[in-house]
PDB file of N, CA and C in Angstrom:
ATOM      1  N   MET A   1      59.512 132.957  84.232  1.00  0.00           N
ATOM      2  CA  MET A   1      59.029 132.184  83.127  1.00  0.00           C
ATOM      3  C   MET A   1      58.979 133.101  81.912  1.00  0.00           C
ATOM      4  N   ALA A   2      59.405 132.550  80.790  1.00  0.00           N
ATOM      5  CA  ALA A   2      59.385 133.320  79.551  1.00  0.00           C
ATOM      6  C   ALA A   2      58.791 132.480  78.436  1.00  0.00           C
ATOM      7  N   LEU A   3      58.146 133.140  77.512  1.00  0.00           N
ATOM      8  CA  LEU A   3      57.639 132.499  76.307  1.00  0.00           C
ATOM      9  C   LEU A   3      58.500 133.004  75.161  1.00  0.00           C
ATOM     10  N   THR A   4      59.101 132.067  74.446  1.00  0.00           N
ATOM     11  CA  THR A   4      60.008 132.410  73.357  1.00  0.00           C
ATOM     12  C   THR A   4      59.425 131.888  72.056  1.00  0.00           C
ATOM     13  N   ARG A   5      59.524 132.686  71.031  1.00  0.00           N
ATOM     14  CA  ARG A   5      59.034 132.279  69.719  1.00  0.00           C
ATOM     15  C   ARG A   5      60.223 132.013  68.807  1.00  0.00           C
ATOM     16  N   LEU A   6      60.123 130.968  68.039  1.00  0.00           N
ATOM     17  CA  LEU A   6      61.136 130.649  67.041  1.00  0.00           C
ATOM     18  C   LEU A   6      60.580 131.022  65.679  1.00  0.00           C
ATOM     19  N   SER A   7      61.294 131.880  64.999  1.00  0.00           N
ATOM     20  CA  SER A   7      60.883 132.318  63.670  1.00  0.00           C
ATOM     21  C   SER A   7      61.948 131.908  62.664  1.00  0.00           C
ATOM     22  N   PRO A   8      61.538 131.365  61.533  1.00  0.00           N
ATOM     23  CA  PRO A   8      62.527 130.993  60.519  1.00  0.00           C
ATOM     24  C   PRO A   8      63.382 132.188  60.077  1.00  0.00           C
ATOM     25  N   ASP A   9      62.810 133.398  60.129  1.00  0.00           N
ATOM     26  CA  ASP A   9      63.540 134.585  59.677  1.00  0.00           C
ATOM     27  C   ASP A   9      64.358 135.242  60.781  1.00  0.00           C
ATOM     28  N   ALA A  10      63.816 135.280  62.012  1.00  0.00           N
ATOM     29  CA  ALA A  10      64.441 136.067  63.084  1.00  0.00           C
ATOM     30  C   ALA A  10      65.080 135.233  64.182  1.00  0.00           C
ATOM     31  N   GLY A  11      64.973 133.924  64.140  1.00  0.00           N
ATOM     32  CA  GLY A  11      65.525 133.085  65.211  1.00  0.00           C
ATOM     33  C   GLY A  11      64.638 133.128  66.448  1.00  0.00           C
ATOM     34  N   HIS A  12      65.251 132.909  67.635  1.00  0.00           N
ATOM     35  CA  HIS A  12      64.515 132.924  68.906  1.00  0.00           C
ATOM     36  C   HIS A  12      64.384 134.358  69.420  1.00  0.00           C
ATOM     37  N   PHE A  13      63.192 134.691  69.938  1.00  0.00           N
ATOM     38  CA  PHE A  13      63.046 135.969  70.622  1.00  0.00           C
ATOM     39  C   PHE A  13      61.917 135.855  71.641  1.00  0.00           C
ATOM     40  N   ASP A  14      62.074 136.543  72.788  1.00  0.00           N
ATOM     41  CA  ASP A  14      61.063 136.530  73.839  1.00  0.00           C
ATOM     42  C   ASP A  14      59.829 137.301  73.392  1.00  0.00           C
ATOM     43  N   VAL A  15      58.659 136.741  73.698  1.00  0.00           N
ATOM     44  CA  VAL A  15      57.399 137.420  73.394  1.00  0.00           C
ATOM     45  C   VAL A  15      56.580 137.650  74.664  1.00  0.00           C
ATOM     46  N   GLY A  16      57.063 137.154  75.791  1.00  0.00           N
ATOM     47  CA  GLY A  16      56.349 137.368  77.050  1.00  0.00           C
ATOM     48  C   GLY A  16      57.145 136.849  78.228  1.00  0.00           C
ATOM     49  N   ARG A  17      56.956 137.480  79.389  1.00  0.00           N
ATOM     50  CA  ARG A  17      57.606 137.057  80.630  1.00  0.00           C
ATOM     51  C   ARG A  17      56.617 137.185  81.775  1.00  0.00           C
ATOM     52  N   SER A  18      56.790 136.332  82.781  1.00  0.00           N
ATOM     53  CA  SER A  18      56.005 136.452  84.012  1.00  0.00           C
ATOM     54  C   SER A  18      56.957 136.328  85.192  1.00  0.00           C
ATOM     55  N   ASN A  19      56.464 136.660  86.374  1.00  0.00           N
ATOM     56  CA  ASN A  19      57.320 136.572  87.557  1.00  0.00           C
ATOM     57  C   ASN A  19      57.229 135.208  88.234  1.00  0.00           C
ATOM     58  N   PHE A  20      56.558 134.212  87.605  1.00  0.00           N
ATOM     59  CA  PHE A  20      56.459 132.873  88.178  1.00  0.00           C
ATOM     60  C   PHE A  20      57.834 132.230  88.263  1.00  0.00           C
ATOM     61  N   ARG A  21      58.163 131.692  89.440  1.00  0.00           N
ATOM     62  CA  ARG A  21      59.412 130.956  89.648  1.00  0.00           C
ATOM     63  C   ARG A  21      59.060 129.618  90.290  1.00  0.00           C
ATOM     64  N   PRO A  22      59.375 128.503  89.643  1.00  0.00           N
ATOM     65  CA  PRO A  22      59.053 127.204  90.240  1.00  0.00           C
ATOM     66  C   PRO A  22      59.834 126.968  91.528  1.00  0.00           C
ATOM     67  N   LYS A  23      59.199 126.283  92.466  1.00  0.00           N
ATOM     68  CA  LYS A  23      59.843 125.939  93.733  1.00  0.00           C
ATOM     69  C   LYS A  23      60.465 124.552  93.617  1.00  0.00           C
ATOM     70  N   PRO A  24      61.587 124.330  94.286  1.00  0.00           N
ATOM     71  CA  PRO A  24      62.216 122.999  94.246  1.00  0.00           C
ATOM     72  C   PRO A  24      61.263 121.932  94.797  1.00  0.00           C
ATOM     73  N   ASP A  25      61.370 120.740  94.255  1.00  0.00           N
ATOM     74  CA  ASP A  25      60.609 119.571  94.710  1.00  0.00           C
ATOM     75  C   ASP A  25      59.103 119.787  94.655  1.00  0.00           C
ATOM     76  N   GLN A  26      58.635 120.516  93.658  1.00  0.00           N
ATOM     77  CA  GLN A  26      57.214 120.817  93.511  1.00  0.00           C
ATOM     78  C   GLN A  26      56.761 120.432  92.108  1.00  0.00           C
ATOM     79  N   TRP A  27      55.612 119.762  92.006  1.00  0.00           N
ATOM     80  CA  TRP A  27      54.998 119.470  90.716  1.00  0.00           C
ATOM     81  C   TRP A  27      54.037 120.602  90.366  1.00  0.00           C
ATOM     82  N   TYR A  28      53.949 120.913  89.095  1.00  0.00           N
ATOM     83  CA  TYR A  28      53.016 121.931  88.615  1.00  0.00           C
ATOM     84  C   TYR A  28      52.238 121.379  87.434  1.00  0.00           C
ATOM     85  N   GLN A  29      51.009 121.833  87.284  1.00  0.00           N
ATOM     86  CA  GLN A  29      50.237 121.515  86.091  1.00  0.00           C
ATOM     87  C   GLN A  29      50.443 122.661  85.123  1.00  0.00           C
ATOM     88  N   LEU A  30      51.135 122.395  84.044  1.00  0.00           N
ATOM     89  CA  LEU A  30      51.457 123.394  83.027  1.00  0.00           C
ATOM     90  C   LEU A  30      50.586 123.121  81.804  1.00  0.00           C
ATOM     91  N   GLU A  31      49.881 124.131  81.344  1.00  0.00           N
ATOM     92  CA  GLU A  31      49.049 124.009  80.151  1.00  0.00           C
ATOM     93  C   GLU A  31      49.441 125.121  79.178  1.00  0.00           C
ATOM     94  N   ILE A  32      49.650 124.736  77.946  1.00  0.00           N
ATOM     95  CA  ILE A  32      50.019 125.689  76.903  1.00  0.00           C
ATOM     96  C   ILE A  32      48.989 125.544  75.797  1.00  0.00           C
ATOM     97  N   SER A  33      48.381 126.655  75.415  1.00  0.00           N
ATOM     98  CA  SER A  33      47.374 126.588  74.350  1.00  0.00           C
ATOM     99  C   SER A  33      47.758 127.519  73.213  1.00  0.00           C
ATOM    100  N   SER A  34      47.404 127.069  72.027  1.00  0.00           N
ATOM    101  CA  SER A  34      47.570 127.885  70.835  1.00  0.00           C
ATOM    102  C   SER A  34      46.281 127.758  70.047  1.00  0.00           C
ATOM    103  N   TYR A  35      45.518 128.836  70.002  1.00  0.00           N
ATOM    104  CA  TYR A  35      44.241 128.835  69.282  1.00  0.00           C
ATOM    105  C   TYR A  35      44.228 130.043  68.364  1.00  0.00           C
ATOM    106  N   ASN A  36      44.122 129.772  67.076  1.00  0.00           N
ATOM    107  CA  ASN A  36      44.241 130.817  66.060  1.00  0.00           C
ATOM    108  C   ASN A  36      45.566 131.542  66.268  1.00  0.00           C
ATOM    109  N   ASP A  37      45.553 132.808  66.644  1.00  0.00           N
ATOM    110  CA  ASP A  37      46.809 133.544  66.827  1.00  0.00           C
ATOM    111  C   ASP A  37      47.104 133.843  68.300  1.00  0.00           C
ATOM    112  N   LEU A  38      46.359 133.237  69.234  1.00  0.00           N
ATOM    113  CA  LEU A  38      46.530 133.505  70.659  1.00  0.00           C
ATOM    114  C   LEU A  38      47.226 132.337  71.345  1.00  0.00           C
ATOM    115  N   ILE A  39      48.349 132.615  71.985  1.00  0.00           N
ATOM    116  CA  ILE A  39      49.101 131.613  72.743  1.00  0.00           C
ATOM    117  C   ILE A  39      49.000 131.977  74.214  1.00  0.00           C
ATOM    118  N   GLN A  40      48.666 130.997  75.046  1.00  0.00           N
ATOM    119  CA  GLN A  40      48.550 131.212  76.488  1.00  0.00           C
ATOM    120  C   GLN A  40      49.318 130.135  77.236  1.00  0.00           C
ATOM    121  N   VAL A  41      49.881 130.513  78.394  1.00  0.00           N
ATOM    122  CA  VAL A  41      50.564 129.575  79.283  1.00  0.00           C
ATOM    123  C   VAL A  41      49.903 129.683  80.643  1.00  0.00           C
ATOM    124  N   TRP A  42      49.448 128.543  81.159  1.00  0.00           N
ATOM    125  CA  TRP A  42      48.751 128.454  82.439  1.00  0.00           C
ATOM    126  C   TRP A  42      49.559 127.570  83.380  1.00  0.00           C
ATOM    127  N   VAL A  43      49.664 127.956  84.646  1.00  0.00           N
ATOM    128  CA  VAL A  43      50.294 127.131  85.674  1.00  0.00           C
ATOM    129  C   VAL A  43      49.294 126.966  86.809  1.00  0.00           C
ATOM    130  N   ASP A  44      48.971 125.717  87.097  1.00  0.00           N
ATOM    131  CA  ASP A  44      48.002 125.389  88.150  1.00  0.00           C
ATOM    132  C   ASP A  44      46.712 126.211  88.021  1.00  0.00           C
ATOM    133  N   GLY A  45      46.215 126.337  86.794  1.00  0.00           N
ATOM    134  CA  GLY A  45      44.942 126.998  86.550  1.00  0.00           C
ATOM    135  C   GLY A  45      44.983 128.513  86.483  1.00  0.00           C
ATOM    136  N   LYS A  46      46.177 129.108  86.609  1.00  0.00           N
ATOM    137  CA  LYS A  46      46.298 130.569  86.544  1.00  0.00           C
ATOM    138  C   LYS A  46      47.077 130.951  85.290  1.00  0.00           C
ATOM    139  N   MET A  47      46.519 131.887  84.515  1.00  0.00           N
ATOM    140  CA  MET A  47      47.220 132.315  83.317  1.00  0.00           C
ATOM    141  C   MET A  47      48.457 133.125  83.690  1.00  0.00           C
ATOM    142  N   MET A  48      49.597 132.707  83.157  1.00  0.00           N
ATOM    143  CA  MET A  48      50.866 133.382  83.437  1.00  0.00           C
ATOM    144  C   MET A  48      51.340 134.231  82.270  1.00  0.00           C
ATOM    145  N   LEU A  49      51.054 133.786  81.057  1.00  0.00           N
ATOM    146  CA  LEU A  49      51.515 134.502  79.862  1.00  0.00           C
ATOM    147  C   LEU A  49      50.457 134.429  78.775  1.00  0.00           C
ATOM    148  N   GLU A  50      50.394 135.496  77.987  1.00  0.00           N
ATOM    149  CA  GLU A  50      49.501 135.520  76.834  1.00  0.00           C
ATOM    150  C   GLU A  50      50.200 136.300  75.723  1.00  0.00           C
ATOM    151  N   TYR A  51      50.123 135.781  74.519  1.00  0.00           N
ATOM    152  CA  TYR A  51      50.779 136.419  73.380  1.00  0.00           C
ATOM    153  C   TYR A  51      49.884 136.316  72.152  1.00  0.00           C
ATOM    154  N   GLN A  52      49.601 137.438  71.549  1.00  0.00           N
ATOM    155  CA  GLN A  52      48.849 137.493  70.288  1.00  0.00           C
ATOM    156  C   GLN A  52      49.880 137.539  69.167  1.00  0.00           C
ATOM    157  N   ASP A  53      50.005 136.460  68.425  1.00  0.00           N
ATOM    158  CA  ASP A  53      51.039 136.323  67.406  1.00  0.00           C
ATOM    159  C   ASP A  53      50.599 136.979  66.099  1.00  0.00           C
ATOM    160  N   PRO A  54      51.304 138.019  65.650  1.00  0.00           N
ATOM    161  CA  PRO A  54      50.911 138.683  64.411  1.00  0.00           C
ATOM    162  C   PRO A  54      51.161 137.825  63.168  1.00  0.00           C
ATOM    163  N   GLN A  55      52.035 136.820  63.282  1.00  0.00           N
ATOM    164  CA  GLN A  55      52.327 135.928  62.158  1.00  0.00           C
ATOM    165  C   GLN A  55      52.377 134.489  62.680  1.00  0.00           C
ATOM    166  N   PRO A  56      51.205 133.896  62.960  1.00  0.00           N
ATOM    167  CA  PRO A  56      51.193 132.543  63.528  1.00  0.00           C
ATOM    168  C   PRO A  56      51.914 131.536  62.631  1.00  0.00           C
ATOM    169  N   LEU A  57      52.621 130.627  63.280  1.00  0.00           N
ATOM    170  CA  LEU A  57      53.282 129.550  62.548  1.00  0.00           C
ATOM    171  C   LEU A  57      52.236 128.536  62.112  1.00  0.00           C
ATOM    172  N   SER A  58      52.530 127.808  61.070  1.00  0.00           N
ATOM    173  CA  SER A  58      51.598 126.769  60.628  1.00  0.00           C
ATOM    174  C   SER A  58      51.543 125.657  61.672  1.00  0.00           C
ATOM    175  N   PRO A  59      50.415 124.973  61.792  1.00  0.00           N
ATOM    176  CA  PRO A  59      50.280 123.922  62.800  1.00  0.00           C
ATOM    177  C   PRO A  59      51.203 122.743  62.521  1.00  0.00           C
ATOM    178  N   GLY A  60      51.494 121.981  63.584  1.00  0.00           N
ATOM    179  CA  GLY A  60      52.202 120.732  63.379  1.00  0.00           C
ATOM    180  C   GLY A  60      53.457 120.532  64.195  1.00  0.00           C
ATOM    181  N   THR A  61      54.041 121.565  64.762  1.00  0.00           N
ATOM    182  CA  THR A  61      55.288 121.393  65.497  1.00  0.00           C
ATOM    183  C   THR A  61      55.182 122.042  66.872  1.00  0.00           C
ATOM    184  N   ILE A  62      55.630 121.321  67.894  1.00  0.00           N
ATOM    185  CA  ILE A  62      55.724 121.893  69.230  1.00  0.00           C
ATOM    186  C   ILE A  62      57.107 121.591  69.792  1.00  0.00           C
ATOM    187  N   GLY A  63      57.519 122.378  70.754  1.00  0.00           N
ATOM    188  CA  GLY A  63      58.780 122.140  71.437  1.00  0.00           C
ATOM    189  C   GLY A  63      58.671 122.600  72.876  1.00  0.00           C
ATOM    190  N   LEU A  64      59.221 121.832  73.799  1.00  0.00           N
ATOM    191  CA  LEU A  64      59.237 122.194  75.212  1.00  0.00           C
ATOM    192  C   LEU A  64      60.676 122.218  75.687  1.00  0.00           C
ATOM    193  N   GLU A  65      61.053 123.293  76.341  1.00  0.00           N
ATOM    194  CA  GLU A  65      62.382 123.406  76.925  1.00  0.00           C
ATOM    195  C   GLU A  65      62.236 124.016  78.307  1.00  0.00           C
ATOM    196  N   GLY A  66      63.016 123.545  79.230  1.00  0.00           N
ATOM    197  CA  GLY A  66      63.044 124.131  80.560  1.00  0.00           C
ATOM    198  C   GLY A  66      64.437 124.645  80.855  1.00  0.00           C
ATOM    199  N   HIS A  67      64.529 125.901  81.247  1.00  0.00           N
ATOM    200  CA  HIS A  67      65.827 126.507  81.544  1.00  0.00           C
ATOM    201  C   HIS A  67      65.755 127.268  82.862  1.00  0.00           C
ATOM    202  N   ILE A  68      66.657 127.012  83.743  1.00  0.00           N
ATOM    203  CA  ILE A  68      66.869 127.864  84.906  1.00  0.00           C
ATOM    204  C   ILE A  68      68.365 128.156  84.893  1.00  0.00           C
ATOM    205  N   TRP A  69      68.684 129.363  84.492  1.00  0.00           N
ATOM    206  CA  TRP A  69      70.071 129.718  84.187  1.00  0.00           C
ATOM    207  C   TRP A  69      70.964 129.784  85.398  1.00  0.00           C
ATOM    208  N   ASN A  70      70.441 130.087  86.583  1.00  0.00           N
ATOM    209  CA  ASN A  70      71.320 130.281  87.740  1.00  0.00           C
ATOM    210  C   ASN A  70      71.385 129.066  88.658  1.00  0.00           C
ATOM    211  N   ASP A  71      70.823 127.926  88.285  1.00  0.00           N
ATOM    212  CA  ASP A  71      70.857 126.752  89.145  1.00  0.00           C
ATOM    213  C   ASP A  71      71.061 125.495  88.302  1.00  0.00           C
ATOM    214  N   PRO A  72      72.307 125.024  88.181  1.00  0.00           N
ATOM    215  CA  PRO A  72      72.568 123.853  87.340  1.00  0.00           C
ATOM    216  C   PRO A  72      72.015 122.552  87.923  1.00  0.00           C
ATOM    217  N   GLU A  73      71.534 122.566  89.166  1.00  0.00           N
ATOM    218  CA  GLU A  73      71.003 121.361  89.797  1.00  0.00           C
ATOM    219  C   GLU A  73      69.532 121.124  89.492  1.00  0.00           C
ATOM    220  N   VAL A  74      68.873 122.036  88.820  1.00  0.00           N
ATOM    221  CA  VAL A  74      67.448 121.906  88.551  1.00  0.00           C
ATOM    222  C   VAL A  74      67.219 120.882  87.444  1.00  0.00           C
ATOM    223  N   ILE A  75      66.223 120.019  87.661  1.00  0.00           N
ATOM    224  CA  ILE A  75      65.837 119.013  86.674  1.00  0.00           C
ATOM    225  C   ILE A  75      64.355 119.197  86.386  1.00  0.00           C
ATOM    226  N   PHE A  76      63.976 119.151  85.118  1.00  0.00           N
ATOM    227  CA  PHE A  76      62.579 119.235  84.717  1.00  0.00           C
ATOM    228  C   PHE A  76      62.095 117.850  84.331  1.00  0.00           C
ATOM    229  N   TYR A  77      60.941 117.470  84.822  1.00  0.00           N
ATOM    230  CA  TYR A  77      60.284 116.233  84.422  1.00  0.00           C
ATOM    231  C   TYR A  77      58.962 116.610  83.762  1.00  0.00           C
ATOM    232  N   PHE A  78      58.669 116.007  82.625  1.00  0.00           N
ATOM    233  CA  PHE A  78      57.389 116.182  81.971  1.00  0.00           C
ATOM    234  C   PHE A  78      56.667 114.853  82.082  1.00  0.00           C
ATOM    235  N   ASP A  79      55.460 114.856  82.636  1.00  0.00           N
ATOM    236  CA  ASP A  79      54.716 113.627  82.867  1.00  0.00           C
ATOM    237  C   ASP A  79      53.284 113.815  82.383  1.00  0.00           C
ATOM    238  N   ASP A  80      52.718 112.773  81.836  1.00  0.00           N
ATOM    239  CA  ASP A  80      51.319 112.772  81.430  1.00  0.00           C
ATOM    240  C   ASP A  80      51.027 113.871  80.406  1.00  0.00           C
ATOM    241  N   LEU A  81      51.824 113.914  79.343  1.00  0.00           N
ATOM    242  CA  LEU A  81      51.636 114.904  78.279  1.00  0.00           C
ATOM    243  C   LEU A  81      50.440 114.537  77.412  1.00  0.00           C
ATOM    244  N   ALA A  82      49.683 115.540  77.025  1.00  0.00           N
ATOM    245  CA  ALA A  82      48.564 115.338  76.110  1.00  0.00           C
ATOM    246  C   ALA A  82      48.578 116.465  75.089  1.00  0.00           C
ATOM    247  N   VAL A  83      48.406 116.125  73.836  1.00  0.00           N
ATOM    248  CA  VAL A  83      48.325 117.112  72.764  1.00  0.00           C
ATOM    249  C   VAL A  83      46.986 116.910  72.081  1.00  0.00           C
ATOM    250  N   CYS A  84      46.235 117.986  71.948  1.00  0.00           N
ATOM    251  CA  CYS A  84      44.921 117.867  71.318  1.00  0.00           C
ATOM    252  C   CYS A  84      44.639 119.123  70.505  1.00  0.00           C
ATOM    253  N   GLU A  85      43.715 118.992  69.580  1.00  0.00           N
ATOM    254  CA  GLU A  85      43.306 120.124  68.766  1.00  0.00           C
ATOM    255  C   GLU A  85      42.212 120.897  69.489  1.00  0.00           C
ATOM    256  N   LEU A  86      42.310 122.223  69.469  1.00  0.00           N
ATOM    257  CA  LEU A  86      41.292 123.064  70.094  1.00  0.00           C
ATOM    258  C   LEU A  86      40.268 123.488  69.049  1.00  0.00           C
ATOM    259  N   GLY A  87      38.990 123.351  69.399  1.00  0.00           N
ATOM    260  CA  GLY A  87      37.920 123.804  68.523  1.00  0.00           C
ATOM    261  C   GLY A  87      37.320 125.122  68.984  1.00  0.00           C
ATOM    262  N   ALA A  88      37.836 125.634  70.112  1.00  0.00           N
ATOM    263  CA  ALA A  88      37.351 126.887  70.706  1.00  0.00           C
ATOM    264  C   ALA A  88      38.465 127.426  71.589  1.00  0.00           C
ATOM    265  N   PRO A  89      38.368 128.678  72.043  1.00  0.00           N
ATOM    266  CA  PRO A  89      39.399 129.196  72.948  1.00  0.00           C
ATOM    267  C   PRO A  89      39.580 128.298  74.170  1.00  0.00           C
ATOM    268  N   PHE A  90      40.777 128.274  74.680  1.00  0.00           N
ATOM    269  CA  PHE A  90      41.175 127.365  75.757  1.00  0.00           C
ATOM    270  C   PHE A  90      40.563 127.752  77.098  1.00  0.00           C
ATOM    271  N   ALA A  91      40.234 126.748  77.892  1.00  0.00           N
ATOM    272  CA  ALA A  91      39.838 126.913  79.293  1.00  0.00           C
ATOM    273  C   ALA A  91      40.681 125.934  80.098  1.00  0.00           C
ATOM    274  N   PRO A  92      41.323 126.376  81.191  1.00  0.00           N
ATOM    275  CA  PRO A  92      42.222 125.490  81.936  1.00  0.00           C
ATOM    276  C   PRO A  92      41.481 124.334  82.599  1.00  0.00           C
ATOM    277  N   MET A  93      42.202 123.236  82.798  1.00  0.00           N
ATOM    278  CA  MET A  93      41.670 122.071  83.494  1.00  0.00           C
ATOM    279  C   MET A  93      41.586 122.383  84.984  1.00  0.00           C
ATOM    280  N   PRO A  94      40.669 121.751  85.693  1.00  0.00           N
ATOM    281  CA  PRO A  94      40.670 121.903  87.158  1.00  0.00           C
ATOM    282  C   PRO A  94      41.988 121.373  87.718  1.00  0.00           C
ATOM    283  N   THR A  95      42.506 122.002  88.736  1.00  0.00           N
ATOM    284  CA  THR A  95      43.793 121.580  89.292  1.00  0.00           C
ATOM    285  C   THR A  95      43.611 121.092  90.717  1.00  0.00           C
ATOM    286  N   ALA A  96      44.425 120.127  91.076  1.00  0.00           N
ATOM    287  CA  ALA A  96      44.465 119.619  92.432  1.00  0.00           C
ATOM    288  C   ALA A  96      45.475 120.436  93.226  1.00  0.00           C
ATOM    289  N   THR A  97      45.501 120.268  94.517  1.00  0.00           N
ATOM    290  CA  THR A  97      46.495 120.932  95.343  1.00  0.00           C
ATOM    291  C   THR A  97      47.872 120.408  94.947  1.00  0.00           C
ATOM    292  N   PRO A  98      48.846 121.300  94.693  1.00  0.00           N
ATOM    293  CA  PRO A  98      50.189 120.842  94.301  1.00  0.00           C
ATOM    294  C   PRO A  98      50.788 119.934  95.376  1.00  0.00           C
ATOM    295  N   THR A  99      51.518 118.923  94.925  1.00  0.00           N
ATOM    296  CA  THR A  99      52.178 118.002  95.844  1.00  0.00           C
ATOM    297  C   THR A  99      53.667 118.008  95.585  1.00  0.00           C
ATOM    298  N   PRO A 100      54.463 117.703  96.607  1.00  0.00           N
ATOM    299  CA  PRO A 100      55.913 117.637  96.398  1.00  0.00           C
ATOM    300  C   PRO A 100      56.272 116.531  95.417  1.00  0.00           C
ATOM    301  N   ALA A 101      57.335 116.740  94.662  1.00  0.00           N
ATOM    302  CA  ALA A 101      57.823 115.723  93.738  1.00  0.00           C
ATOM    303  C   ALA A 101      58.372 114.540  94.530  1.00  0.00           C
ATOM    304  N   PRO A 102      58.362 113.333  93.937  1.00  0.00           N
ATOM    305  CA  PRO A 102      58.885 112.162  94.658  1.00  0.00           C
ATOM    306  C   PRO A 102      60.379 112.246  94.871  1.00  0.00           C
TER     307      PRO A 102
END
């Protein structure tokens, strides 16, 4: 898993990586938070990536992309998306036991 930042001046560049690899036919609870200059990525309640952005982008735009470069058969589904404003640093939602995808 990688966190990539898009900058109007520098284009795309990686700002963090983790060793998390999704398993086939598995659902995950993915949470991404951006509070002030701190960006965090959580999977099933565990923090996988954290990035302190020295030049935070202005609020208002998000983008989600899923890439697995060595397996063209992988499909990403995004379900039950919620976007909300944070008034304090992020705390992950309680997670249920992961279940196989339908």
